[in-house]
């Protein structure tokens, strides 16, 4: 078995995704995310994960982000508005990080496809 695994970034990736449910009824404010994901790499203790995630437009309020995450947007846009009111919008090719404990609105403005690496202690 090889230790190098290419990560698809096109329709092949989307077709291989399975339903996921990170957005909860408690955090959802509007829309229907219809989430799907593909895990590319996960540590043995499952605290560190690299994957791809897709969602339809929705809006949620997160009280405390569960981990430290790096994200690269492949398609669509997402807007993050922190408690201080400062908003950041990210689109294709943009990358950002979220730190554990971040609090604010996570809004998918148009169908989103992202790659992520997250550590959840």
C-alpha atoms as a PDB file:
ATOM      1  CA  UNK A   1       0.000   0.000   0.000  1.00  0.00           C
ATOM      2  CA  UNK A   2       1.386   3.405  -0.950  1.00  0.00           C
ATOM      3  CA  UNK A   3       1.759   6.235   1.562  1.00  0.00           C
ATOM      4  CA  UNK A   4       0.900   8.897  -1.044  1.00  0.00           C
ATOM      5  CA  UNK A   5      -2.776   9.467  -1.813  1.00  0.00           C
ATOM      6  CA  UNK A   6      -3.874  12.157  -4.283  1.00  0.00           C
ATOM      7  CA  UNK A   7      -6.876  14.189  -3.129  1.00  0.00           C
ATOM      8  CA  UNK A   8      -9.408  14.774  -5.914  1.00  0.00           C
ATOM      9  CA  UNK A   9     -10.745  18.317  -6.275  1.00  0.00           C
ATOM     10  CA  UNK A  10     -13.394  17.871  -8.952  1.00  0.00           C
ATOM     11  CA  UNK A  11     -16.619  15.977  -9.676  1.00  0.00           C
ATOM     12  CA  UNK A  12     -14.855  12.698  -8.781  1.00  0.00           C
ATOM     13  CA  UNK A  13     -14.469  14.018  -5.230  1.00  0.00           C
ATOM     14  CA  UNK A  14     -18.103  15.106  -4.953  1.00  0.00           C
ATOM     15  CA  UNK A  15     -19.427  11.775  -6.251  1.00  0.00           C
ATOM     16  CA  UNK A  16     -17.468   9.863  -3.592  1.00  0.00           C
ATOM     17  CA  UNK A  17     -18.714  11.960  -0.653  1.00  0.00           C
ATOM     18  CA  UNK A  18     -21.062  10.601   1.982  1.00  0.00           C
ATOM     19  CA  UNK A  19     -23.683  12.470   4.032  1.00  0.00           C
ATOM     20  CA  UNK A  20     -22.448  14.188   7.182  1.00  0.00           C
ATOM     21  CA  UNK A  21     -24.052  16.219   9.952  1.00  0.00           C
ATOM     22  CA  UNK A  22     -21.789  18.779  11.598  1.00  0.00           C
ATOM     23  CA  UNK A  23     -24.520  21.441  11.615  1.00  0.00           C
ATOM     24  CA  UNK A  24     -26.979  20.707  14.409  1.00  0.00           C
ATOM     25  CA  UNK A  25     -30.601  21.747  14.866  1.00  0.00           C
ATOM     26  CA  UNK A  26     -29.424  23.868  17.820  1.00  0.00           C
ATOM     27  CA  UNK A  27     -26.970  25.913  15.735  1.00  0.00           C
ATOM     28  CA  UNK A  28     -28.922  26.131  12.444  1.00  0.00           C
ATOM     29  CA  UNK A  29     -30.585  29.512  11.872  1.00  0.00           C
ATOM     30  CA  UNK A  30     -31.656  29.259   8.203  1.00  0.00           C
ATOM     31  CA  UNK A  31     -31.360  27.018   5.151  1.00  0.00           C
ATOM     32  CA  UNK A  32     -30.706  23.314   4.676  1.00  0.00           C
ATOM     33  CA  UNK A  33     -26.988  22.532   4.472  1.00  0.00           C
ATOM     34  CA  UNK A  34     -27.356  19.027   2.972  1.00  0.00           C
ATOM     35  CA  UNK A  35     -23.778  18.307   4.082  1.00  0.00           C
ATOM     36  CA  UNK A  36     -21.476  15.736   2.482  1.00  0.00           C
ATOM     37  CA  UNK A  37     -17.875  14.855   3.256  1.00  0.00           C
ATOM     38  CA  UNK A  38     -14.927  12.679   2.374  1.00  0.00           C
ATOM     39  CA  UNK A  39     -12.216  11.942   4.950  1.00  0.00           C
ATOM     40  CA  UNK A  40      -8.790  11.749   3.312  1.00  0.00           C
ATOM     41  CA  UNK A  41      -6.694  11.175   6.436  1.00  0.00           C
ATOM     42  CA  UNK A  42      -7.446  10.670  10.103  1.00  0.00           C
ATOM     43  CA  UNK A  43      -5.073  10.120  13.016  1.00  0.00           C
ATOM     44  CA  UNK A  44      -5.353   6.906  15.006  1.00  0.00           C
ATOM     45  CA  UNK A  45      -6.999   8.747  17.884  1.00  0.00           C
ATOM     46  CA  UNK A  46      -9.308  10.549  15.384  1.00  0.00           C
ATOM     47  CA  UNK A  47      -8.376  13.954  16.823  1.00  0.00           C
ATOM     48  CA  UNK A  48      -6.771  15.151  13.568  1.00  0.00           C
ATOM     49  CA  UNK A  49      -8.678  14.898  10.288  1.00  0.00           C
ATOM     50  CA  UNK A  50      -8.048  16.025   6.708  1.00  0.00           C
ATOM     51  CA  UNK A  51     -11.005  15.964   4.359  1.00  0.00           C
ATOM     52  CA  UNK A  52     -13.327  17.626   1.886  1.00  0.00           C
ATOM     53  CA  UNK A  53     -16.762  18.989   2.803  1.00  0.00           C
ATOM     54  CA  UNK A  54     -19.650  20.263   0.734  1.00  0.00           C
ATOM     55  CA  UNK A  55     -22.775  22.163   1.836  1.00  0.00           C
ATOM     56  CA  UNK A  56     -25.696  24.032   0.343  1.00  0.00           C
ATOM     57  CA  UNK A  57     -26.461  27.597   1.503  1.00  0.00           C
ATOM     58  CA  UNK A  58     -27.332  27.884   5.183  1.00  0.00           C
ATOM     59  CA  UNK A  59     -26.611  29.987   8.256  1.00  0.00           C
ATOM     60  CA  UNK A  60     -25.682  28.839  11.752  1.00  0.00           C
ATOM     61  CA  UNK A  61     -24.480  30.406  14.987  1.00  0.00           C
ATOM     62  CA  UNK A  62     -21.581  28.617  16.649  1.00  0.00           C
ATOM     63  CA  UNK A  63     -21.109  29.197  20.385  1.00  0.00           C
ATOM     64  CA  UNK A  64     -17.646  27.617  20.549  1.00  0.00           C
ATOM     65  CA  UNK A  65     -15.815  26.106  17.557  1.00  0.00           C
ATOM     66  CA  UNK A  66     -14.666  22.609  18.598  1.00  0.00           C
ATOM     67  CA  UNK A  67     -11.121  22.650  17.233  1.00  0.00           C
ATOM     68  CA  UNK A  68      -8.380  24.385  15.283  1.00  0.00           C
ATOM     69  CA  UNK A  69      -9.081  24.229  11.530  1.00  0.00           C
ATOM     70  CA  UNK A  70      -7.341  25.185   8.306  1.00  0.00           C
ATOM     71  CA  UNK A  71      -9.668  25.549   5.298  1.00  0.00           C
ATOM     72  CA  UNK A  72      -9.150  26.101   1.563  1.00  0.00           C
ATOM     73  CA  UNK A  73     -12.269  27.015  -0.432  1.00  0.00           C
ATOM     74  CA  UNK A  74     -12.525  25.196  -3.775  1.00  0.00           C
ATOM     75  CA  UNK A  75     -16.011  26.347  -4.855  1.00  0.00           C
ATOM     76  CA  UNK A  76     -18.638  28.753  -3.525  1.00  0.00           C
ATOM     77  CA  UNK A  77     -18.397  31.323  -0.758  1.00  0.00           C
ATOM     78  CA  UNK A  78     -18.578  31.369   3.015  1.00  0.00           C
ATOM     79  CA  UNK A  79     -18.851  34.365   5.340  1.00  0.00           C
ATOM     80  CA  UNK A  80     -17.671  34.219   8.957  1.00  0.00           C
ATOM     81  CA  UNK A  81     -18.850  36.972  11.286  1.00  0.00           C
ATOM     82  CA  UNK A  82     -17.292  36.937  14.746  1.00  0.00           C
ATOM     83  CA  UNK A  83     -18.896  38.292  17.916  1.00  0.00           C
ATOM     84  CA  UNK A  84     -17.079  41.597  17.398  1.00  0.00           C
ATOM     85  CA  UNK A  85     -19.054  42.106  14.159  1.00  0.00           C
ATOM     86  CA  UNK A  86     -16.052  41.761  11.855  1.00  0.00           C
ATOM     87  CA  UNK A  87     -17.010  39.690   8.791  1.00  0.00           C
ATOM     88  CA  UNK A  88     -14.707  37.836   6.414  1.00  0.00           C
ATOM     89  CA  UNK A  89     -15.918  36.357   3.118  1.00  0.00           C
ATOM     90  CA  UNK A  90     -13.885  33.648   1.395  1.00  0.00           C
ATOM     91  CA  UNK A  91     -14.224  32.283  -2.138  1.00  0.00           C
ATOM     92  CA  UNK A  92     -12.438  29.873  -4.498  1.00  0.00           C
ATOM     93  CA  UNK A  93      -8.711  29.769  -3.836  1.00  0.00           C
ATOM     94  CA  UNK A  94      -8.970  31.549  -0.485  1.00  0.00           C
ATOM     95  CA  UNK A  95      -7.720  29.912   2.707  1.00  0.00           C
ATOM     96  CA  UNK A  96      -8.401  30.686   6.351  1.00  0.00           C
ATOM     97  CA  UNK A  97      -8.032  29.327   9.851  1.00  0.00           C
ATOM     98  CA  UNK A  98     -10.521  29.100  12.702  1.00  0.00           C
ATOM     99  CA  UNK A  99      -9.281  28.670  16.236  1.00  0.00           C
ATOM    100  CA  UNK A 100     -10.867  26.509  18.877  1.00  0.00           C
ATOM    101  CA  UNK A 101     -13.453  28.489  20.825  1.00  0.00           C
ATOM    102  CA  UNK A 102     -14.286  30.917  17.969  1.00  0.00           C
ATOM    103  CA  UNK A 103     -17.829  32.246  18.382  1.00  0.00           C
ATOM    104  CA  UNK A 104     -19.955  33.710  15.616  1.00  0.00           C
ATOM    105  CA  UNK A 105     -22.052  33.200  12.510  1.00  0.00           C
ATOM    106  CA  UNK A 106     -20.923  30.704   9.861  1.00  0.00           C
ATOM    107  CA  UNK A 107     -22.838  31.411   6.652  1.00  0.00           C
ATOM    108  CA  UNK A 108     -22.541  29.475   3.408  1.00  0.00           C
ATOM    109  CA  UNK A 109     -23.594  32.027   0.778  1.00  0.00           C
ATOM    110  CA  UNK A 110     -23.566  29.706  -2.244  1.00  0.00           C
ATOM    111  CA  UNK A 111     -22.882  25.958  -2.562  1.00  0.00           C
ATOM    112  CA  UNK A 112     -19.530  25.412  -0.861  1.00  0.00           C
ATOM    113  CA  UNK A 113     -16.815  22.844  -1.455  1.00  0.00           C
ATOM    114  CA  UNK A 114     -13.824  23.080   0.861  1.00  0.00           C
ATOM    115  CA  UNK A 115     -10.819  21.068   1.920  1.00  0.00           C
ATOM    116  CA  UNK A 116      -9.958  21.157   5.595  1.00  0.00           C
ATOM    117  CA  UNK A 117      -7.536  19.975   8.240  1.00  0.00           C
ATOM    118  CA  UNK A 118      -8.849  20.060  11.797  1.00  0.00           C
ATOM    119  CA  UNK A 119      -7.529  19.123  15.200  1.00  0.00           C
ATOM    120  CA  UNK A 120     -10.154  18.562  17.905  1.00  0.00           C
ATOM    121  CA  UNK A 121      -8.576  17.760  21.291  1.00  0.00           C
END
